[in-house]
N, C-alpha and C. Protein backbone atom coordinates (compact mmCIF):
# COMPACT_ATOMS: atom_id res chain seq x y z
N UNK A 1 0.81 -1.15 0.00
CA UNK A 1 0.00 0.00 0.00
C UNK A 1 0.88 1.25 0.00
N UNK A 2 0.53 2.03 -0.89
CA UNK A 2 1.30 3.24 -1.03
C UNK A 2 0.50 4.40 -0.48
N UNK A 3 1.15 5.14 0.40
CA UNK A 3 0.50 6.29 1.01
C UNK A 3 0.99 7.55 0.31
N UNK A 4 -0.01 8.27 -0.09
CA UNK A 4 0.37 9.54 -0.74
C UNK A 4 0.54 10.60 0.33
N UNK A 5 1.66 11.16 0.29
CA UNK A 5 1.90 12.25 1.23
C UNK A 5 1.98 13.54 0.44
N UNK A 6 1.35 14.47 0.98
CA UNK A 6 1.43 15.79 0.33
C UNK A 6 2.26 16.69 1.22
N UNK A 7 3.08 17.35 0.57
CA UNK A 7 3.93 18.29 1.30
C UNK A 7 3.08 19.46 1.75
N UNK A 8 3.36 19.98 2.94
CA UNK A 8 2.60 21.14 3.37
C UNK A 8 2.81 22.29 2.39
N UNK A 9 1.75 23.03 2.24
CA UNK A 9 1.85 24.14 1.30
C UNK A 9 2.90 25.13 1.77
N UNK A 10 3.74 25.46 0.84
CA UNK A 10 4.76 26.45 1.16
C UNK A 10 4.18 27.83 0.86
N UNK A 11 4.53 28.74 1.73
CA UNK A 11 4.13 30.12 1.46
C UNK A 11 5.08 30.68 0.42
N UNK A 12 4.47 31.16 -0.60
CA UNK A 12 5.28 31.70 -1.67
C UNK A 12 5.79 33.08 -1.28
N UNK A 13 7.04 33.36 -1.56
CA UNK A 13 7.56 34.70 -1.26
C UNK A 13 6.77 35.78 -1.98
N UNK A 14 6.21 35.46 -3.15
CA UNK A 14 5.44 36.44 -3.90
C UNK A 14 4.20 36.88 -3.14
N UNK A 15 3.56 35.92 -2.45
CA UNK A 15 2.35 36.27 -1.70
C UNK A 15 2.70 37.26 -0.59
N UNK A 16 3.81 36.99 0.08
CA UNK A 16 4.24 37.93 1.12
C UNK A 16 4.54 39.29 0.50
N UNK A 17 5.21 39.27 -0.63
CA UNK A 17 5.57 40.51 -1.31
C UNK A 17 4.31 41.24 -1.78
N UNK A 18 3.34 40.49 -2.25
CA UNK A 18 2.11 41.09 -2.73
C UNK A 18 1.38 41.80 -1.58
N UNK A 19 1.36 41.18 -0.42
CA UNK A 19 0.74 41.79 0.75
C UNK A 19 1.50 43.05 1.16
N UNK A 20 2.80 42.96 1.14
CA UNK A 20 3.65 44.11 1.48
C UNK A 20 3.36 45.27 0.53
N UNK A 21 3.29 44.93 -0.77
CA UNK A 21 3.03 45.97 -1.76
C UNK A 21 1.67 46.62 -1.55
N UNK A 22 0.68 45.83 -1.17
CA UNK A 22 -0.65 46.39 -0.91
C UNK A 22 -0.61 47.37 0.25
N UNK A 23 0.10 47.00 1.31
CA UNK A 23 0.19 47.89 2.47
C UNK A 23 0.96 49.17 2.14
N UNK A 24 2.02 49.02 1.40
CA UNK A 24 2.80 50.20 0.99
C UNK A 24 1.94 51.10 0.10
N UNK A 25 1.21 50.48 -0.81
CA UNK A 25 0.34 51.27 -1.70
C UNK A 25 -0.75 52.00 -0.90
N UNK A 26 -1.31 51.32 0.09
CA UNK A 26 -2.35 51.95 0.91
C UNK A 26 -1.80 53.14 1.68
N UNK A 27 -0.66 52.95 2.34
CA UNK A 27 -0.10 54.06 3.11
C UNK A 27 0.35 55.20 2.19
N UNK A 28 0.86 54.84 1.01
CA UNK A 28 1.25 55.88 0.06
C UNK A 28 0.03 56.69 -0.38
N UNK A 29 -1.08 56.02 -0.57
CA UNK A 29 -2.32 56.72 -0.95
C UNK A 29 -2.76 57.68 0.15
N UNK A 30 -2.67 57.23 1.38
CA UNK A 30 -3.05 58.08 2.52
C UNK A 30 -2.14 59.31 2.57
N UNK A 31 -0.85 59.09 2.40
CA UNK A 31 0.11 60.21 2.42
C UNK A 31 -0.17 61.16 1.25
N UNK A 32 -0.52 60.60 0.09
CA UNK A 32 -0.82 61.44 -1.07
C UNK A 32 -2.06 62.30 -0.82
N UNK A 33 -3.07 61.73 -0.16
CA UNK A 33 -4.27 62.51 0.17
C UNK A 33 -3.90 63.64 1.14
N UNK A 34 -3.07 63.32 2.14
CA UNK A 34 -2.62 64.35 3.10
C UNK A 34 -1.84 65.44 2.36
N UNK A 35 -1.01 65.05 1.41
CA UNK A 35 -0.26 66.02 0.60
C UNK A 35 -1.23 66.93 -0.17
N UNK A 36 -2.26 66.35 -0.75
CA UNK A 36 -3.24 67.14 -1.49
C UNK A 36 -3.94 68.15 -0.58
N UNK A 37 -4.36 67.70 0.59
CA UNK A 37 -5.03 68.61 1.53
C UNK A 37 -4.09 69.72 1.98
N UNK A 38 -2.84 69.35 2.28
CA UNK A 38 -1.86 70.35 2.70
C UNK A 38 -1.63 71.38 1.59
N UNK A 39 -1.60 70.93 0.36
CA UNK A 39 -1.41 71.83 -0.78
C UNK A 39 -2.60 72.79 -0.91
N UNK A 40 -3.81 72.27 -0.71
CA UNK A 40 -5.00 73.13 -0.77
C UNK A 40 -4.91 74.22 0.30
N UNK A 41 -4.56 73.83 1.53
CA UNK A 41 -4.44 74.81 2.62
C UNK A 41 -3.31 75.80 2.34
N UNK A 42 -2.22 75.30 1.77
CA UNK A 42 -1.09 76.18 1.44
C UNK A 42 -1.48 77.20 0.37
N UNK A 43 -2.22 76.75 -0.63
CA UNK A 43 -2.69 77.67 -1.67
C UNK A 43 -3.62 78.73 -1.09
N UNK A 44 -4.49 78.32 -0.16
CA UNK A 44 -5.39 79.28 0.48
C UNK A 44 -4.58 80.31 1.28
N UNK A 45 -3.55 79.85 1.96
CA UNK A 45 -2.69 80.77 2.70
C UNK A 45 -2.00 81.75 1.76
N UNK A 46 -1.56 81.24 0.61
CA UNK A 46 -0.95 82.12 -0.38
C UNK A 46 -1.92 83.17 -0.89
N UNK A 47 -3.17 82.75 -1.10
CA UNK A 47 -4.20 83.71 -1.53
C UNK A 47 -4.44 84.76 -0.45
N UNK A 48 -4.54 84.31 0.81
CA UNK A 48 -4.74 85.25 1.92
C UNK A 48 -3.57 86.23 2.02
N UNK A 49 -2.38 85.72 1.83
CA UNK A 49 -1.19 86.56 1.87
C UNK A 49 -1.28 87.67 0.83
N UNK A 50 -1.57 87.30 -0.41
CA UNK A 50 -1.61 88.29 -1.49
C UNK A 50 -2.76 89.28 -1.34
N UNK A 51 -3.93 88.77 -1.00
CA UNK A 51 -5.10 89.64 -0.87
C UNK A 51 -4.89 90.66 0.25
N UNK A 52 -4.41 90.19 1.38
CA UNK A 52 -4.24 91.11 2.52
C UNK A 52 -3.05 92.05 2.33
N UNK A 53 -2.04 91.60 1.62
CA UNK A 53 -0.92 92.49 1.32
C UNK A 53 -1.41 93.62 0.40
N UNK A 54 -2.26 93.26 -0.55
CA UNK A 54 -2.84 94.25 -1.46
C UNK A 54 -3.75 95.22 -0.70
N UNK A 55 -4.57 94.69 0.20
CA UNK A 55 -5.45 95.55 1.00
C UNK A 55 -4.64 96.50 1.87
N UNK A 56 -3.57 95.99 2.47
CA UNK A 56 -2.71 96.85 3.30
C UNK A 56 -2.09 97.96 2.45
N UNK A 57 -1.63 97.59 1.27
CA UNK A 57 -1.04 98.59 0.37
C UNK A 57 -2.06 99.66 -0.01
N UNK A 58 -3.29 99.23 -0.29
CA UNK A 58 -4.35 100.19 -0.62
C UNK A 58 -4.64 101.12 0.56
N UNK A 59 -4.68 100.57 1.76
CA UNK A 59 -4.94 101.39 2.95
C UNK A 59 -3.81 102.39 3.17
N UNK A 60 -2.56 101.96 2.96
CA UNK A 60 -1.43 102.89 3.13
C UNK A 60 -1.47 103.98 2.06
N UNK A 61 -1.96 103.66 0.88
CA UNK A 61 -2.12 104.69 -0.16
C UNK A 61 -3.18 105.71 0.26
N UNK A 62 -4.27 105.22 0.82
CA UNK A 62 -5.31 106.13 1.33
C UNK A 62 -4.74 106.99 2.45
N UNK A 63 -3.93 106.39 3.32
CA UNK A 63 -3.30 107.13 4.42
C UNK A 63 -2.45 108.26 3.86
N UNK A 64 -1.67 107.94 2.84
CA UNK A 64 -0.80 108.95 2.22
C UNK A 64 -1.62 110.06 1.59
N UNK A 65 -2.71 109.69 0.94
CA UNK A 65 -3.60 110.69 0.33
C UNK A 65 -4.17 111.63 1.38
N UNK A 66 -4.62 111.06 2.48
CA UNK A 66 -5.18 111.89 3.57
C UNK A 66 -4.10 112.79 4.16
N UNK A 67 -2.87 112.28 4.26
CA UNK A 67 -1.76 113.08 4.80
C UNK A 67 -1.47 114.28 3.91
N UNK A 68 -1.49 114.05 2.60
CA UNK A 68 -1.24 115.15 1.66
C UNK A 68 -2.33 116.21 1.78
N UNK A 69 -3.59 115.77 1.81
CA UNK A 69 -4.70 116.72 1.94
C UNK A 69 -4.62 117.47 3.27
N UNK A 70 -4.29 116.74 4.32
CA UNK A 70 -4.16 117.38 5.63
C UNK A 70 -3.05 118.43 5.59
N UNK A 71 -1.96 118.09 4.95
CA UNK A 71 -0.85 119.03 4.85
C UNK A 71 -1.25 120.29 4.10
N UNK A 72 -2.01 120.14 3.03
CA UNK A 72 -2.49 121.30 2.28
C UNK A 72 -3.38 122.19 3.17
N UNK A 73 -4.24 121.56 3.95
CA UNK A 73 -5.10 122.33 4.85
C UNK A 73 -4.28 123.03 5.93
N UNK A 74 -3.22 122.38 6.40
CA UNK A 74 -2.37 123.00 7.41
C UNK A 74 -1.67 124.23 6.83
N UNK A 75 -1.23 124.14 5.57
CA UNK A 75 -0.58 125.28 4.92
C UNK A 75 -1.58 126.44 4.78
N UNK A 76 -2.81 126.12 4.34
CA UNK A 76 -3.85 127.17 4.23
C UNK A 76 -4.17 127.76 5.59
N UNK A 77 -4.21 126.92 6.60
CA UNK A 77 -4.51 127.40 7.96
C UNK A 77 -3.44 128.38 8.42
N UNK A 78 -2.20 128.05 8.19
CA UNK A 78 -1.11 128.95 8.59
C UNK A 78 -1.20 130.27 7.83
N UNK A 79 -1.54 130.20 6.56
CA UNK A 79 -1.71 131.42 5.77
C UNK A 79 -2.82 132.30 6.32
N UNK A 80 -3.93 131.68 6.71
CA UNK A 80 -5.04 132.46 7.29
C UNK A 80 -4.64 133.07 8.63
N UNK A 81 -3.92 132.31 9.41
CA UNK A 81 -3.50 132.83 10.72
C UNK A 81 -2.56 134.02 10.54
N UNK A 82 -1.67 133.93 9.56
CA UNK A 82 -0.77 135.05 9.29
C UNK A 82 -1.56 136.26 8.78
N UNK A 83 -2.54 135.99 7.95
CA UNK A 83 -3.37 137.06 7.40
C UNK A 83 -4.18 137.73 8.52
N UNK A 84 -4.56 136.98 9.52
CA UNK A 84 -5.35 137.51 10.63
C UNK A 84 -4.52 138.49 11.48
N UNK A 85 -3.21 138.31 11.50
CA UNK A 85 -2.35 139.18 12.29
C UNK A 85 -2.30 140.62 11.75
N UNK A 86 -2.63 140.77 10.48
CA UNK A 86 -2.64 142.11 9.88
C UNK A 86 -3.87 142.88 10.39
N UNK A 87 -3.65 144.07 10.93
CA UNK A 87 -4.74 144.86 11.52
C UNK A 87 -5.51 145.69 10.49
N UNK A 88 -5.16 145.66 9.25
CA UNK A 88 -5.77 146.51 8.23
C UNK A 88 -6.98 145.87 7.54
N UNK A 89 -7.67 144.92 8.20
CA UNK A 89 -8.81 144.25 7.58
C UNK A 89 -10.11 144.71 8.24
N UNK A 90 -11.14 144.68 7.43
CA UNK A 90 -12.46 145.02 7.98
C UNK A 90 -12.94 143.89 8.89
N UNK A 91 -13.92 144.22 9.72
CA UNK A 91 -14.46 143.22 10.65
C UNK A 91 -15.09 142.05 9.89
N UNK A 92 -15.74 142.36 8.77
CA UNK A 92 -16.36 141.31 7.98
C UNK A 92 -15.30 140.36 7.41
N UNK A 93 -14.19 140.91 6.95
CA UNK A 93 -13.10 140.09 6.41
C UNK A 93 -12.47 139.25 7.53
N UNK A 94 -12.30 139.86 8.70
CA UNK A 94 -11.73 139.14 9.84
C UNK A 94 -12.63 137.96 10.21
N UNK A 95 -13.96 138.15 10.16
CA UNK A 95 -14.89 137.07 10.46
C UNK A 95 -14.76 135.93 9.43
N UNK A 96 -14.56 136.30 8.16
CA UNK A 96 -14.37 135.28 7.13
C UNK A 96 -13.08 134.50 7.38
N UNK A 97 -12.04 135.21 7.78
CA UNK A 97 -10.77 134.55 8.08
C UNK A 97 -10.95 133.59 9.26
N UNK A 98 -11.63 134.05 10.32
CA UNK A 98 -11.86 133.20 11.49
C UNK A 98 -12.72 131.98 11.11
N UNK A 99 -13.68 132.21 10.25
CA UNK A 99 -14.52 131.10 9.77
C UNK A 99 -13.67 130.09 9.00
N UNK A 100 -12.78 130.61 8.16
CA UNK A 100 -11.86 129.74 7.41
C UNK A 100 -10.94 128.97 8.33
N UNK A 101 -10.43 129.65 9.36
CA UNK A 101 -9.55 128.99 10.34
C UNK A 101 -10.31 127.85 11.02
N UNK A 102 -11.54 128.11 11.45
CA UNK A 102 -12.33 127.07 12.12
C UNK A 102 -12.57 125.90 11.16
N UNK A 103 -12.87 126.20 9.88
CA UNK A 103 -13.10 125.14 8.90
C UNK A 103 -11.86 124.27 8.74
N UNK A 104 -10.70 124.92 8.52
CA UNK A 104 -9.47 124.16 8.30
C UNK A 104 -9.06 123.37 9.54
N UNK A 105 -9.24 123.92 10.72
CA UNK A 105 -8.93 123.19 11.95
C UNK A 105 -9.81 121.95 12.08
N UNK A 106 -11.10 122.11 11.73
CA UNK A 106 -12.02 120.96 11.77
C UNK A 106 -11.62 119.89 10.77
N UNK A 107 -11.22 120.32 9.58
CA UNK A 107 -10.82 119.36 8.55
C UNK A 107 -9.52 118.64 8.95
N UNK A 108 -8.60 119.37 9.53
CA UNK A 108 -7.34 118.76 9.98
C UNK A 108 -7.62 117.70 11.04
N UNK A 109 -8.51 118.01 11.98
CA UNK A 109 -8.88 117.02 13.00
C UNK A 109 -9.55 115.81 12.37
N UNK A 110 -10.41 116.04 11.39
CA UNK A 110 -11.09 114.93 10.70
C UNK A 110 -10.07 114.04 10.00
N UNK A 111 -9.10 114.66 9.32
CA UNK A 111 -8.08 113.87 8.64
C UNK A 111 -7.24 113.08 9.64
N UNK A 112 -6.93 113.68 10.78
CA UNK A 112 -6.17 112.95 11.81
C UNK A 112 -6.93 111.70 12.26
N UNK A 113 -8.24 111.88 12.49
CA UNK A 113 -9.08 110.76 12.93
C UNK A 113 -9.14 109.68 11.84
N UNK A 114 -9.36 110.10 10.60
CA UNK A 114 -9.45 109.15 9.49
C UNK A 114 -8.12 108.41 9.30
N UNK A 115 -7.02 109.13 9.44
CA UNK A 115 -5.71 108.49 9.28
C UNK A 115 -5.47 107.43 10.35
N UNK A 116 -5.92 107.68 11.58
CA UNK A 116 -5.77 106.67 12.63
C UNK A 116 -6.56 105.41 12.30
N UNK A 117 -7.78 105.59 11.79
CA UNK A 117 -8.61 104.43 11.42
C UNK A 117 -7.98 103.67 10.25
N UNK A 118 -7.49 104.41 9.27
CA UNK A 118 -6.85 103.79 8.11
C UNK A 118 -5.60 103.04 8.54
N UNK A 119 -4.82 103.66 9.42
CA UNK A 119 -3.59 103.02 9.91
C UNK A 119 -3.92 101.72 10.63
N UNK A 120 -5.00 101.73 11.41
CA UNK A 120 -5.42 100.53 12.13
C UNK A 120 -5.79 99.42 11.14
N UNK A 121 -6.54 99.76 10.09
CA UNK A 121 -6.94 98.77 9.09
C UNK A 121 -5.73 98.24 8.33
N UNK A 122 -4.82 99.13 7.94
CA UNK A 122 -3.62 98.70 7.21
C UNK A 122 -2.78 97.75 8.06
N UNK A 123 -2.63 98.09 9.32
CA UNK A 123 -1.86 97.24 10.23
C UNK A 123 -2.54 95.88 10.40
N UNK A 124 -3.86 95.87 10.47
CA UNK A 124 -4.61 94.62 10.59
C UNK A 124 -4.36 93.73 9.37
N UNK A 125 -4.45 94.32 8.17
CA UNK A 125 -4.22 93.55 6.95
C UNK A 125 -2.77 93.05 6.87
N UNK A 126 -1.83 93.86 7.34
CA UNK A 126 -0.44 93.41 7.36
C UNK A 126 -0.27 92.21 8.28
N UNK A 127 -0.93 92.24 9.44
CA UNK A 127 -0.84 91.14 10.39
C UNK A 127 -1.43 89.85 9.80
N UNK A 128 -2.58 89.97 9.16
CA UNK A 128 -3.21 88.80 8.52
C UNK A 128 -2.29 88.25 7.43
N UNK A 129 -1.67 89.14 6.68
CA UNK A 129 -0.75 88.74 5.63
C UNK A 129 0.47 88.01 6.22
N UNK A 130 1.01 88.53 7.31
CA UNK A 130 2.16 87.89 7.96
C UNK A 130 1.78 86.51 8.50
N UNK A 131 0.59 86.40 9.08
CA UNK A 131 0.14 85.11 9.60
C UNK A 131 -0.04 84.10 8.46
N UNK A 132 -0.59 84.55 7.35
CA UNK A 132 -0.77 83.67 6.19
C UNK A 132 0.57 83.22 5.64
N UNK A 133 1.55 84.11 5.65
CA UNK A 133 2.89 83.77 5.19
C UNK A 133 3.51 82.71 6.09
N UNK A 134 3.38 82.89 7.41
CA UNK A 134 3.92 81.91 8.36
C UNK A 134 3.24 80.56 8.19
N UNK A 135 1.91 80.57 8.04
CA UNK A 135 1.17 79.32 7.86
C UNK A 135 1.61 78.63 6.56
N UNK A 136 1.78 79.40 5.51
CA UNK A 136 2.22 78.84 4.24
C UNK A 136 3.59 78.19 4.34
N UNK A 137 4.49 78.82 5.10
CA UNK A 137 5.83 78.26 5.27
C UNK A 137 5.78 76.92 6.02
N UNK A 138 4.93 76.83 7.03
CA UNK A 138 4.78 75.58 7.78
C UNK A 138 4.19 74.50 6.88
N UNK A 139 3.19 74.88 6.09
CA UNK A 139 2.58 73.91 5.18
C UNK A 139 3.56 73.46 4.09
N UNK A 140 4.44 74.34 3.66
CA UNK A 140 5.47 73.96 2.69
C UNK A 140 6.38 72.88 3.26
N UNK A 141 6.72 73.02 4.54
CA UNK A 141 7.54 72.00 5.19
C UNK A 141 6.82 70.65 5.20
N UNK A 142 5.54 70.67 5.54
CA UNK A 142 4.75 69.44 5.56
C UNK A 142 4.70 68.81 4.16
N UNK A 143 4.52 69.64 3.14
CA UNK A 143 4.45 69.13 1.78
C UNK A 143 5.77 68.45 1.39
N UNK A 144 6.88 69.04 1.78
CA UNK A 144 8.18 68.42 1.51
C UNK A 144 8.32 67.06 2.17
N UNK A 145 7.86 66.97 3.42
CA UNK A 145 7.92 65.69 4.13
C UNK A 145 7.03 64.65 3.45
N UNK A 146 5.85 65.06 3.00
CA UNK A 146 4.96 64.12 2.30
C UNK A 146 5.62 63.61 1.02
N UNK A 147 6.24 64.50 0.28
CA UNK A 147 6.87 64.10 -0.98
C UNK A 147 8.01 63.13 -0.74
N UNK A 148 8.81 63.40 0.28
CA UNK A 148 9.91 62.48 0.61
C UNK A 148 9.33 61.14 1.05
N UNK A 149 8.26 61.16 1.84
CA UNK A 149 7.62 59.92 2.30
C UNK A 149 7.12 59.09 1.12
N UNK A 150 6.54 59.74 0.12
CA UNK A 150 6.04 59.02 -1.05
C UNK A 150 7.19 58.39 -1.83
N UNK A 151 8.28 59.14 -1.99
CA UNK A 151 9.45 58.60 -2.69
C UNK A 151 10.01 57.40 -1.92
N UNK A 152 10.13 57.53 -0.61
CA UNK A 152 10.64 56.42 0.20
C UNK A 152 9.73 55.19 0.09
N UNK A 153 8.45 55.39 0.06
CA UNK A 153 7.51 54.27 -0.09
C UNK A 153 7.71 53.58 -1.44
N UNK A 154 7.91 54.36 -2.48
CA UNK A 154 8.14 53.77 -3.80
C UNK A 154 9.43 52.96 -3.81
N UNK A 155 10.48 53.51 -3.22
CA UNK A 155 11.75 52.78 -3.15
C UNK A 155 11.58 51.53 -2.29
N UNK A 156 10.84 51.64 -1.20
CA UNK A 156 10.61 50.49 -0.32
C UNK A 156 9.90 49.38 -1.08
N UNK A 157 8.95 49.74 -1.92
CA UNK A 157 8.20 48.73 -2.68
C UNK A 157 9.11 48.06 -3.72
N UNK A 158 9.92 48.86 -4.39
CA UNK A 158 10.81 48.31 -5.43
C UNK A 158 11.89 47.43 -4.79
N UNK A 159 12.50 47.93 -3.72
CA UNK A 159 13.60 47.21 -3.08
C UNK A 159 13.11 46.20 -2.05
N UNK A 160 11.81 46.21 -1.76
CA UNK A 160 11.20 45.34 -0.75
C UNK A 160 11.93 45.49 0.60
N UNK A 161 12.07 46.74 0.97
CA UNK A 161 12.74 47.09 2.22
C UNK A 161 11.73 47.66 3.20
N UNK A 162 11.39 46.89 4.22
CA UNK A 162 10.41 47.32 5.21
C UNK A 162 10.84 48.55 5.99
N UNK A 163 12.13 48.69 6.23
CA UNK A 163 12.61 49.83 7.02
C UNK A 163 12.34 51.14 6.29
N UNK A 164 12.47 51.14 4.97
CA UNK A 164 12.17 52.36 4.20
C UNK A 164 10.68 52.69 4.26
N UNK A 165 9.86 51.64 4.26
CA UNK A 165 8.41 51.84 4.36
C UNK A 165 8.07 52.45 5.72
N UNK A 166 8.68 51.92 6.80
CA UNK A 166 8.43 52.46 8.14
C UNK A 166 8.89 53.92 8.20
N UNK A 167 10.03 54.21 7.63
CA UNK A 167 10.52 55.60 7.59
C UNK A 167 9.54 56.48 6.81
N UNK A 168 8.99 55.95 5.73
CA UNK A 168 7.99 56.67 4.95
C UNK A 168 6.76 56.97 5.80
N UNK A 169 6.31 56.00 6.56
CA UNK A 169 5.14 56.20 7.43
C UNK A 169 5.43 57.25 8.49
N UNK A 170 6.61 57.19 9.08
CA UNK A 170 6.99 58.16 10.12
C UNK A 170 6.99 59.58 9.55
N UNK A 171 7.58 59.76 8.37
CA UNK A 171 7.60 61.09 7.75
C UNK A 171 6.18 61.55 7.41
N UNK A 172 5.34 60.62 6.96
CA UNK A 172 3.95 60.95 6.67
C UNK A 172 3.20 61.40 7.91
N UNK A 173 3.41 60.71 9.02
CA UNK A 173 2.74 61.08 10.28
C UNK A 173 3.24 62.44 10.76
N UNK A 174 4.55 62.66 10.66
CA UNK A 174 5.09 63.98 11.04
C UNK A 174 4.46 65.06 10.15
N UNK A 175 4.34 64.79 8.86
CA UNK A 175 3.71 65.74 7.95
C UNK A 175 2.26 66.03 8.34
N UNK A 176 1.53 65.00 8.74
CA UNK A 176 0.14 65.18 9.17
C UNK A 176 0.09 66.04 10.43
N UNK A 177 1.01 65.80 11.36
CA UNK A 177 1.06 66.62 12.59
C UNK A 177 1.36 68.08 12.26
N UNK A 178 2.30 68.30 11.36
CA UNK A 178 2.66 69.67 10.98
C UNK A 178 1.49 70.35 10.27
N UNK A 179 0.82 69.62 9.39
CA UNK A 179 -0.34 70.18 8.69
C UNK A 179 -1.44 70.54 9.69
N UNK A 180 -1.68 69.66 10.66
CA UNK A 180 -2.70 69.93 11.68
C UNK A 180 -2.33 71.18 12.47
N UNK A 181 -1.06 71.31 12.84
CA UNK A 181 -0.60 72.49 13.55
C UNK A 181 -0.85 73.76 12.72
N UNK A 182 -0.49 73.67 11.43
CA UNK A 182 -0.65 74.85 10.55
C UNK A 182 -2.10 75.25 10.40
N UNK A 183 -2.98 74.27 10.32
CA UNK A 183 -4.42 74.58 10.18
C UNK A 183 -4.92 75.33 11.39
N UNK A 184 -4.36 75.03 12.56
CA UNK A 184 -4.81 75.68 13.80
C UNK A 184 -4.16 77.05 14.01
N UNK A 185 -3.17 77.39 13.18
CA UNK A 185 -2.53 78.70 13.32
C UNK A 185 -3.53 79.80 12.98
N UNK A 186 -3.36 81.00 13.60
CA UNK A 186 -4.31 82.10 13.29
C UNK A 186 -4.17 82.57 11.86
């Protein structure tokens, strides 16, 4: 009687490799999605930077315009005050000069008030622009880490090196942490 013996099934190295490749592909996909989200947030920060820098520039232009007008009124005010010192004017003319002085003083005060408000707005836009720039720089760092992680995952899959895959995952997680931090920045 002959007994047929079957050898236990051997695990093929390809099956192990196939599983490894699936896991590397999955983590690479997750890192790629994180990279896409980080890029979207970075682009938004870039838009905020440009828009607020432009708004600040516009406000400073308005500030300069108000300063020029205020300066013109100050020159006219000084001229009226000098003209008032001359005693050879009629009472009616003196009243017109005093009326002009009061008008110019009121306008100068108005321009001072408007300039303070404009300065406040310009400074606010500058601050938002600076914050957007800082956020964009942090997101750029995260994007670089994601890209390196994706390259390492590809090399890990080709070379079948688990340590490179683990390093890829670590860089991806660090990138996710940095992106999360940047999103929470003001």
